[in-house]
C-alpha atoms as a PDB file:
ATOM      1  CA  MET A   1       0.000   0.000   0.000  1.00  0.00           C
ATOM      2  CA  LYS A   2       1.412   3.360  -1.036  1.00  0.00           C
ATOM      3  CA  PRO A   3       1.783   5.987   1.732  1.00  0.00           C
ATOM      4  CA  GLN A   4      -0.544   8.917   1.317  1.00  0.00           C
ATOM      5  CA  SER A   5      -0.258  12.625   1.954  1.00  0.00           C
ATOM      6  CA  PRO A   6      -2.143  13.824   5.030  1.00  0.00           C
ATOM      7  CA  LYS A   7      -5.368  15.747   4.802  1.00  0.00           C
ATOM      8  CA  PRO A   8      -5.207  19.361   6.026  1.00  0.00           C
ATOM      9  CA  GLU A   9      -7.350  18.407   9.027  1.00  0.00           C
ATOM     10  CA  GLU A  10      -4.839  15.726  10.012  1.00  0.00           C
ATOM     11  CA  LEU A  11      -2.010  18.256   9.970  1.00  0.00           C
ATOM     12  CA  LYS A  12      -3.922  20.684  12.126  1.00  0.00           C
ATOM     13  CA  GLN A  13      -4.966  17.907  14.499  1.00  0.00           C
ATOM     14  CA  LEU A  14      -1.357  16.731  14.889  1.00  0.00           C
ATOM     15  CA  ARG A  15      -0.188  20.274  15.529  1.00  0.00           C
ATOM     16  CA  GLU A  16      -2.894  21.049  18.081  1.00  0.00           C
ATOM     17  CA  CYS A  17      -2.586  17.663  19.805  1.00  0.00           C
ATOM     18  CA  HIS A  18       1.095  18.359  20.453  1.00  0.00           C
ATOM     19  CA  ASN A  19       0.564  22.035  21.357  1.00  0.00           C
ATOM     20  CA  LEU A  20       2.580  23.325  18.415  1.00  0.00           C
ATOM     21  CA  THR A  21       2.233  26.610  16.596  1.00  0.00           C
ATOM     22  CA  GLN A  22       2.477  26.506  12.830  1.00  0.00           C
ATOM     23  CA  ARG A  23       5.984  27.960  13.100  1.00  0.00           C
ATOM     24  CA  ARG A  24       7.128  25.273  15.559  1.00  0.00           C
ATOM     25  CA  ALA A  25       5.516  22.512  13.503  1.00  0.00           C
ATOM     26  CA  ALA A  26       7.341  23.782  10.420  1.00  0.00           C
ATOM     27  CA  ARG A  27      10.655  23.827  12.300  1.00  0.00           C
ATOM     28  CA  LEU A  28      10.006  20.289  13.500  1.00  0.00           C
ATOM     29  CA  VAL A  29      10.099  19.055   9.880  1.00  0.00           C
ATOM     30  CA  PHE A  30      12.849  21.478   8.771  1.00  0.00           C
ATOM     31  CA  SER A  31      10.447  23.477   6.651  1.00  0.00           C
ATOM     32  CA  SER A  32       9.342  27.072   6.290  1.00  0.00           C
ATOM     33  CA  LEU A  33       6.298  28.503   7.983  1.00  0.00           C
ATOM     34  CA  ARG A  34       4.785  29.288   4.577  1.00  0.00           C
ATOM     35  CA  ALA A  35       5.184  25.667   3.418  1.00  0.00           C
ATOM     36  CA  TRP A  36       3.403  24.457   6.556  1.00  0.00           C
ATOM     37  CA  GLN A  37       0.623  26.965   5.963  1.00  0.00           C
ATOM     38  CA  TYR A  38       0.224  25.718   2.386  1.00  0.00           C
ATOM     39  CA  TRP A  39       0.013  22.119   3.602  1.00  0.00           C
ATOM     40  CA  GLU A  40      -2.442  22.922   6.373  1.00  0.00           C
ATOM     41  CA  SER A  41      -4.675  24.965   4.062  1.00  0.00           C
ATOM     42  CA  GLY A  42      -4.676  22.217   1.427  1.00  0.00           C
ATOM     43  CA  ASP A  43      -3.023  24.427  -1.213  1.00  0.00           C
ATOM     44  CA  HIS A  44      -0.118  21.942  -1.475  1.00  0.00           C
ATOM     45  CA  LEU A  45       0.245  18.281  -0.516  1.00  0.00           C
ATOM     46  CA  MET A  46       2.790  17.260   2.081  1.00  0.00           C
ATOM     47  CA  HIS A  47       5.004  14.398   0.947  1.00  0.00           C
ATOM     48  CA  PRO A  48       4.146  11.160   2.810  1.00  0.00           C
ATOM     49  CA  ILE A  49       7.717  10.837   4.117  1.00  0.00           C
ATOM     50  CA  ILE A  50       7.537  14.308   5.670  1.00  0.00           C
ATOM     51  CA  TRP A  51       4.177  13.347   7.203  1.00  0.00           C
ATOM     52  CA  ALA A  52       5.670  10.192   8.725  1.00  0.00           C
ATOM     53  CA  TYR A  53       8.579  12.211  10.096  1.00  0.00           C
ATOM     54  CA  ALA A  54       6.246  14.912  11.474  1.00  0.00           C
ATOM     55  CA  LYS A  55       4.331  12.305  13.482  1.00  0.00           C
ATOM     56  CA  TYR A  56       7.554  10.731  14.752  1.00  0.00           C
ATOM     57  CA  ALA A  57       9.173  14.072  15.612  1.00  0.00           C
ATOM     58  CA  ALA A  58       6.097  15.357  17.453  1.00  0.00           C
ATOM     59  CA  ARG A  59       5.941  12.195  19.594  1.00  0.00           C
ATOM     60  CA  ARG A  60       9.671  12.335  20.262  1.00  0.00           C
ATOM     61  CA  ARG A  61       9.453  16.012  21.229  1.00  0.00           C
ATOM     62  CA  ASP A  62       6.735  15.193  23.767  1.00  0.00           C
ATOM     63  CA  GLU A  63       8.822  12.348  25.199  1.00  0.00           C
ATOM     64  CA  LYS A  64      11.841  14.635  25.630  1.00  0.00           C
ATOM     65  CA  LEU A  65       9.712  17.316  27.295  1.00  0.00           C
ATOM     66  CA  GLU A  66       8.308  14.748  29.710  1.00  0.00           C
ATOM     67  CA  GLU A  67      11.811  13.478  30.525  1.00  0.00           C
ATOM     68  CA  ALA A  68      12.958  17.032  31.222  1.00  0.00           C
ATOM     69  CA  ARG A  69       9.943  17.685  33.459  1.00  0.00           C
ATOM     70  CA  SER A  70      10.681  14.492  35.394  1.00  0.00           C
ATOM     71  CA  ARG A  71      14.307  15.481  35.911  1.00  0.00           C
ATOM     72  CA  ILE A  72      13.270  18.932  37.117  1.00  0.00           C
ATOM     73  CA  ALA A  73      10.715  17.442  39.486  1.00  0.00           C
ATOM     74  CA  SER A  74      13.192  14.944  40.929  1.00  0.00           C
ATOM     75  CA  THR A  75      15.810  17.676  41.346  1.00  0.00           C
ATOM     76  CA  SER A  76      13.403  19.941  43.175  1.00  0.00           C
ATOM     77  CA  GLU A  77      12.332  17.042  45.450  1.00  0.00           C
ATOM     78  CA  ILE A  78      15.959  16.467  46.438  1.00  0.00           C
ATOM     79  CA  GLY A  79      16.431  20.137  47.290  1.00  0.00           C
ATOM     80  CA  THR A  80      13.319  20.263  49.502  1.00  0.00           C
ATOM     81  CA  GLY A  81      14.135  17.079  51.389  1.00  0.00           C
ATOM     82  CA  ILE A  82      10.990  15.259  50.292  1.00  0.00           C
END
């Protein structure tokens, strides 16, 4: 089965689900803001490989943020003697 380009709604849903602005979503896939806007508006199709990477990168970004939050929380617990 051939990979397909995402629908504009899927792009917006991914972006909003991961709390990304259009600018940050574009940076995530090494693209320009204008390219992301074209994809999200449906004026241009995003290549399926970029779509696959966008989903991976958004998940990975969330994992790294959660790891950082955990480290901060454990550091602050040590300092308070909890």
